[in-house]
C-alpha atoms as a PDB file:
ATOM      1  CA  UNK A   1      95.088 120.928  73.735  1.00  0.00           C
ATOM      2  CA  UNK A   2      92.499 122.671  75.985  1.00  0.00           C
ATOM      3  CA  UNK A   3      92.696 125.852  74.292  1.00  0.00           C
ATOM      4  CA  UNK A   4      92.233 124.192  70.555  1.00  0.00           C
ATOM      5  CA  UNK A   5      89.300 122.009  71.721  1.00  0.00           C
ATOM      6  CA  UNK A   6      85.863 123.370  71.023  1.00  0.00           C
ATOM      7  CA  UNK A   7      82.935 121.755  73.072  1.00  0.00           C
ATOM      8  CA  UNK A   8      80.228 124.553  72.817  1.00  0.00           C
ATOM      9  CA  UNK A   9      76.868 122.612  72.305  1.00  0.00           C
ATOM     10  CA  UNK A  10      78.327 119.521  74.167  1.00  0.00           C
ATOM     11  CA  UNK A  11      76.104 118.785  77.384  1.00  0.00           C
ATOM     12  CA  UNK A  12      77.368 115.464  78.103  1.00  0.00           C
ATOM     13  CA  UNK A  13      81.142 114.143  77.063  1.00  0.00           C
ATOM     14  CA  UNK A  14      82.621 110.645  77.703  1.00  0.00           C
ATOM     15  CA  UNK A  15      86.195 110.903  78.267  1.00  0.00           C
ATOM     16  CA  UNK A  16      87.509 107.587  77.170  1.00  0.00           C
ATOM     17  CA  UNK A  17      90.716 106.282  79.015  1.00  0.00           C
ATOM     18  CA  UNK A  18      90.505 109.667  80.790  1.00  0.00           C
ATOM     19  CA  UNK A  19      93.177 108.604  83.232  1.00  0.00           C
ATOM     20  CA  UNK A  20      93.081 110.752  86.549  1.00  0.00           C
ATOM     21  CA  UNK A  21      90.815 112.919  85.300  1.00  0.00           C
ATOM     22  CA  UNK A  22      92.945 116.003  84.390  1.00  0.00           C
ATOM     23  CA  UNK A  23      91.281 117.087  80.679  1.00  0.00           C
ATOM     24  CA  UNK A  24      87.856 116.268  82.488  1.00  0.00           C
ATOM     25  CA  UNK A  25      88.597 118.615  85.602  1.00  0.00           C
ATOM     26  CA  UNK A  26      89.856 121.179  83.208  1.00  0.00           C
ATOM     27  CA  UNK A  27      87.043 121.194  80.721  1.00  0.00           C
ATOM     28  CA  UNK A  28      84.458 121.175  83.437  1.00  0.00           C
ATOM     29  CA  UNK A  29      86.000 124.425  84.593  1.00  0.00           C
ATOM     30  CA  UNK A  30      86.263 126.135  81.240  1.00  0.00           C
ATOM     31  CA  UNK A  31      82.561 124.639  80.578  1.00  0.00           C
ATOM     32  CA  UNK A  32      80.277 124.988  83.437  1.00  0.00           C
ATOM     33  CA  UNK A  33      77.446 123.570  81.810  1.00  0.00           C
ATOM     34  CA  UNK A  34      79.237 120.502  80.534  1.00  0.00           C
ATOM     35  CA  UNK A  35      78.766 116.953  82.354  1.00  0.00           C
ATOM     36  CA  UNK A  36      81.811 114.608  82.009  1.00  0.00           C
ATOM     37  CA  UNK A  37      81.861 110.876  82.445  1.00  0.00           C
ATOM     38  CA  UNK A  38      85.593 109.383  82.560  1.00  0.00           C
ATOM     39  CA  UNK A  39      85.819 105.798  81.691  1.00  0.00           C
ATOM     40  CA  UNK A  40      88.829 104.223  82.996  1.00  0.00           C
ATOM     41  CA  UNK A  41      90.194 101.038  84.780  1.00  0.00           C
ATOM     42  CA  UNK A  42      89.388 100.556  88.499  1.00  0.00           C
ATOM     43  CA  UNK A  43      92.713 101.649  89.912  1.00  0.00           C
ATOM     44  CA  UNK A  44      93.078 104.532  87.853  1.00  0.00           C
ATOM     45  CA  UNK A  45      89.564 105.524  88.505  1.00  0.00           C
ATOM     46  CA  UNK A  46      90.063 105.408  92.253  1.00  0.00           C
ATOM     47  CA  UNK A  47      92.823 108.086  91.606  1.00  0.00           C
ATOM     48  CA  UNK A  48      90.861 110.144  89.297  1.00  0.00           C
ATOM     49  CA  UNK A  49      87.726 110.299  91.872  1.00  0.00           C
ATOM     50  CA  UNK A  50      90.448 112.051  94.391  1.00  0.00           C
ATOM     51  CA  UNK A  51      91.679 114.324  92.060  1.00  0.00           C
ATOM     52  CA  UNK A  52      88.018 115.454  90.801  1.00  0.00           C
ATOM     53  CA  UNK A  53      86.680 115.759  94.236  1.00  0.00           C
ATOM     54  CA  UNK A  54      89.755 117.794  95.097  1.00  0.00           C
ATOM     55  CA  UNK A  55      89.002 120.053  92.109  1.00  0.00           C
ATOM     56  CA  UNK A  56      85.672 120.746  93.138  1.00  0.00           C
ATOM     57  CA  UNK A  57      83.977 119.217  90.062  1.00  0.00           C
ATOM     58  CA  UNK A  58      82.542 116.068  91.197  1.00  0.00           C
ATOM     59  CA  UNK A  59      79.153 117.181  90.988  1.00  0.00           C
ATOM     60  CA  UNK A  60      79.358 117.468  86.833  1.00  0.00           C
ATOM     61  CA  UNK A  61      82.544 114.900  86.331  1.00  0.00           C
ATOM     62  CA  UNK A  62      81.647 111.365  87.311  1.00  0.00           C
ATOM     63  CA  UNK A  63      83.567 107.939  86.784  1.00  0.00           C
ATOM     64  CA  UNK A  64      82.515 104.950  85.064  1.00  0.00           C
ATOM     65  CA  UNK A  65      84.818 102.146  85.990  1.00  0.00           C
ATOM     66  CA  UNK A  66      85.510  99.899  83.288  1.00  0.00           C
ATOM     67  CA  UNK A  67      87.983  98.738  80.338  1.00  0.00           C
ATOM     68  CA  UNK A  68      87.897 101.181  77.097  1.00  0.00           C
ATOM     69  CA  UNK A  69      88.940  98.271  75.001  1.00  0.00           C
ATOM     70  CA  UNK A  70      86.440  95.600  76.022  1.00  0.00           C
ATOM     71  CA  UNK A  71      83.373  97.302  77.694  1.00  0.00           C
ATOM     72  CA  UNK A  72      80.615  98.735  76.005  1.00  0.00           C
ATOM     73  CA  UNK A  73      80.171 102.653  76.161  1.00  0.00           C
ATOM     74  CA  UNK A  74      76.277 102.435  75.946  1.00  0.00           C
ATOM     75  CA  UNK A  75      74.065 103.358  73.241  1.00  0.00           C
ATOM     76  CA  UNK A  76      73.109 106.775  72.317  1.00  0.00           C
ATOM     77  CA  UNK A  77      74.096 108.250  75.670  1.00  0.00           C
ATOM     78  CA  UNK A  78      76.586 111.199  74.985  1.00  0.00           C
ATOM     79  CA  UNK A  79      76.579 113.980  72.540  1.00  0.00           C
ATOM     80  CA  UNK A  80      80.559 114.180  72.714  1.00  0.00           C
ATOM     81  CA  UNK A  81      83.500 111.326  72.955  1.00  0.00           C
ATOM     82  CA  UNK A  82      86.870 112.350  73.419  1.00  0.00           C
ATOM     83  CA  UNK A  83      89.986 109.849  72.953  1.00  0.00           C
ATOM     84  CA  UNK A  84      92.898 111.834  74.293  1.00  0.00           C
ATOM     85  CA  UNK A  85      96.226 110.471  74.100  1.00  0.00           C
ATOM     86  CA  UNK A  86      95.040 106.920  74.506  1.00  0.00           C
ATOM     87  CA  UNK A  87      95.114 105.407  71.052  1.00  0.00           C
ATOM     88  CA  UNK A  88      98.627 105.100  70.475  1.00  0.00           C
ATOM     89  CA  UNK A  89      98.830 102.222  72.755  1.00  0.00           C
ATOM     90  CA  UNK A  90      96.326 100.133  70.751  1.00  0.00           C
ATOM     91  CA  UNK A  91      96.279  98.079  67.321  1.00  0.00           C
ATOM     92  CA  UNK A  92      94.463  99.258  64.461  1.00  0.00           C
ATOM     93  CA  UNK A  93      91.780  96.559  65.383  1.00  0.00           C
ATOM     94  CA  UNK A  94      91.542  97.697  68.971  1.00  0.00           C
ATOM     95  CA  UNK A  95      91.130 101.264  67.896  1.00  0.00           C
ATOM     96  CA  UNK A  96      88.509 100.185  65.160  1.00  0.00           C
ATOM     97  CA  UNK A  97      86.270  98.553  68.139  1.00  0.00           C
ATOM     98  CA  UNK A  98      86.714 101.391  70.376  1.00  0.00           C
ATOM     99  CA  UNK A  99      85.548 104.026  67.534  1.00  0.00           C
ATOM    100  CA  UNK A 100      82.591 101.431  67.083  1.00  0.00           C
ATOM    101  CA  UNK A 101      81.680 101.689  70.740  1.00  0.00           C
ATOM    102  CA  UNK A 102      81.841 105.361  70.332  1.00  0.00           C
ATOM    103  CA  UNK A 103      79.814 105.757  67.413  1.00  0.00           C
ATOM    104  CA  UNK A 104      77.093 103.604  69.291  1.00  0.00           C
ATOM    105  CA  UNK A 105      77.422 105.676  72.420  1.00  0.00           C
ATOM    106  CA  UNK A 106      76.937 108.862  70.498  1.00  0.00           C
ATOM    107  CA  UNK A 107      73.722 110.376  70.118  1.00  0.00           C
ATOM    108  CA  UNK A 108      72.714 111.381  66.447  1.00  0.00           C
ATOM    109  CA  UNK A 109      74.649 114.523  65.614  1.00  0.00           C
ATOM    110  CA  UNK A 110      77.198 113.761  68.398  1.00  0.00           C
ATOM    111  CA  UNK A 111      80.752 114.649  68.135  1.00  0.00           C
ATOM    112  CA  UNK A 112      83.748 112.553  68.465  1.00  0.00           C
ATOM    113  CA  UNK A 113      87.078 114.214  69.181  1.00  0.00           C
ATOM    114  CA  UNK A 114      90.439 112.048  68.877  1.00  0.00           C
ATOM    115  CA  UNK A 115      93.387 113.998  69.944  1.00  0.00           C
ATOM    116  CA  UNK A 116      96.913 112.003  69.884  1.00  0.00           C
ATOM    117  CA  UNK A 117     100.275 112.175  68.506  1.00  0.00           C
ATOM    118  CA  UNK A 118      99.851 110.919  64.711  1.00  0.00           C
ATOM    119  CA  UNK A 119     102.270 110.829  61.697  1.00  0.00           C
ATOM    120  CA  UNK A 120     101.971 111.952  58.173  1.00  0.00           C
ATOM    121  CA  UNK A 121     100.900 109.431  55.533  1.00  0.00           C
ATOM    122  CA  UNK A 122     104.559 108.318  54.828  1.00  0.00           C
ATOM    123  CA  UNK A 123     105.041 107.653  58.601  1.00  0.00           C
ATOM    124  CA  UNK A 124     108.342 109.526  58.528  1.00  0.00           C
ATOM    125  CA  UNK A 125     107.373 112.832  59.960  1.00  0.00           C
ATOM    126  CA  UNK A 126     107.046 114.671  62.317  1.00  0.00           C
ATOM    127  CA  UNK A 127     110.200 113.442  64.054  1.00  0.00           C
ATOM    128  CA  UNK A 128     108.964 113.310  67.487  1.00  0.00           C
ATOM    129  CA  UNK A 129     105.999 111.290  66.854  1.00  0.00           C
ATOM    130  CA  UNK A 130     108.037 108.821  64.611  1.00  0.00           C
ATOM    131  CA  UNK A 131     110.484 108.259  67.219  1.00  0.00           C
ATOM    132  CA  UNK A 132     107.787 107.761  69.861  1.00  0.00           C
ATOM    133  CA  UNK A 133     106.193 105.394  67.517  1.00  0.00           C
ATOM    134  CA  UNK A 134     109.348 103.480  67.402  1.00  0.00           C
ATOM    135  CA  UNK A 135     109.326 103.497  71.182  1.00  0.00           C
ATOM    136  CA  UNK A 136     105.686 102.096  71.519  1.00  0.00           C
ATOM    137  CA  UNK A 137     106.588  99.459  68.738  1.00  0.00           C
ATOM    138  CA  UNK A 138     109.609  98.169  71.161  1.00  0.00           C
ATOM    139  CA  UNK A 139     108.079  98.710  74.577  1.00  0.00           C
ATOM    140  CA  UNK A 140     104.425  97.601  74.151  1.00  0.00           C
ATOM    141  CA  UNK A 141     102.307  94.667  72.661  1.00  0.00           C
ATOM    142  CA  UNK A 142     100.158  96.534  70.352  1.00  0.00           C
ATOM    143  CA  UNK A 143     101.307 100.237  70.223  1.00  0.00           C
ATOM    144  CA  UNK A 144     102.454 102.651  67.596  1.00  0.00           C
ATOM    145  CA  UNK A 145     101.660 105.899  66.404  1.00  0.00           C
ATOM    146  CA  UNK A 146      99.232 105.945  63.418  1.00  0.00           C
ATOM    147  CA  UNK A 147      98.738 108.453  60.543  1.00  0.00           C
ATOM    148  CA  UNK A 148      96.082 110.991  60.293  1.00  0.00           C
ATOM    149  CA  UNK A 149      94.785 109.250  57.071  1.00  0.00           C
ATOM    150  CA  UNK A 150      94.700 105.899  58.918  1.00  0.00           C
ATOM    151  CA  UNK A 151      92.629 107.380  61.711  1.00  0.00           C
ATOM    152  CA  UNK A 152      90.368 109.172  59.150  1.00  0.00           C
ATOM    153  CA  UNK A 153      89.748 105.627  57.645  1.00  0.00           C
ATOM    154  CA  UNK A 154      88.891 103.692  60.753  1.00  0.00           C
ATOM    155  CA  UNK A 155      86.390 106.495  61.532  1.00  0.00           C
ATOM    156  CA  UNK A 156      84.656 106.218  58.336  1.00  0.00           C
ATOM    157  CA  UNK A 157      84.666 102.272  58.434  1.00  0.00           C
ATOM    158  CA  UNK A 158      82.991 102.808  61.642  1.00  0.00           C
ATOM    159  CA  UNK A 159      80.244 104.959  60.064  1.00  0.00           C
ATOM    160  CA  UNK A 160      81.323 108.616  60.916  1.00  0.00           C
ATOM    161  CA  UNK A 161      80.968 110.892  57.723  1.00  0.00           C
ATOM    162  CA  UNK A 162      81.948 114.528  58.837  1.00  0.00           C
ATOM    163  CA  UNK A 163      85.604 114.215  59.428  1.00  0.00           C
ATOM    164  CA  UNK A 164      88.298 116.955  59.938  1.00  0.00           C
ATOM    165  CA  UNK A 165      91.997 117.098  61.288  1.00  0.00           C
ATOM    166  CA  UNK A 166      93.740 119.864  62.960  1.00  0.00           C
ATOM    167  CA  UNK A 167      97.670 119.817  63.404  1.00  0.00           C
ATOM    168  CA  UNK A 168      98.206 121.776  66.732  1.00  0.00           C
ATOM    169  CA  UNK A 169     101.056 124.121  66.779  1.00  0.00           C
ATOM    170  CA  UNK A 170     104.589 123.208  68.226  1.00  0.00           C
ATOM    171  CA  UNK A 171     105.658 122.092  70.836  1.00  0.00           C
ATOM    172  CA  UNK A 172     102.271 120.158  70.722  1.00  0.00           C
ATOM    173  CA  UNK A 173     103.000 116.988  68.653  1.00  0.00           C
ATOM    174  CA  UNK A 174      99.417 116.123  68.317  1.00  0.00           C
ATOM    175  CA  UNK A 175      96.368 116.143  66.031  1.00  0.00           C
END
């Protein structure tokens, strides 16, 4: 995903549910002027702090301990918000709330990036995403893979107006 993500012009990025800071570290290395805040749960944040320090980017990648589902992300603080591989664990209502939090956290003309497995409108393709959705439905309380059309609708409901989708080439099963 890193090769397809263009963050030129973004100065401060919020990585929601950023886990151990893998993408944040790689993005900080790719974009030397970029500051990144990784939001994740306390136990995950502790691991992220170690990995970020070990990568030598702790001067630009910071940890915000919190719950990406229930906590506020701030108001007009970031010019970029990234959701990478986190939304397929959530219900539609939860995703809408997270998008609303992101919308509030963005500066005017800010940019939000959603990178996750997505389905086509009929929810039968691509096969990998369909099977993964079945797994999420069977093993999680809320999770499932959603379609790009559903994601677009949720973004519009939240207030986003300029929305585009890009299908990444195989073997990446994400948009």
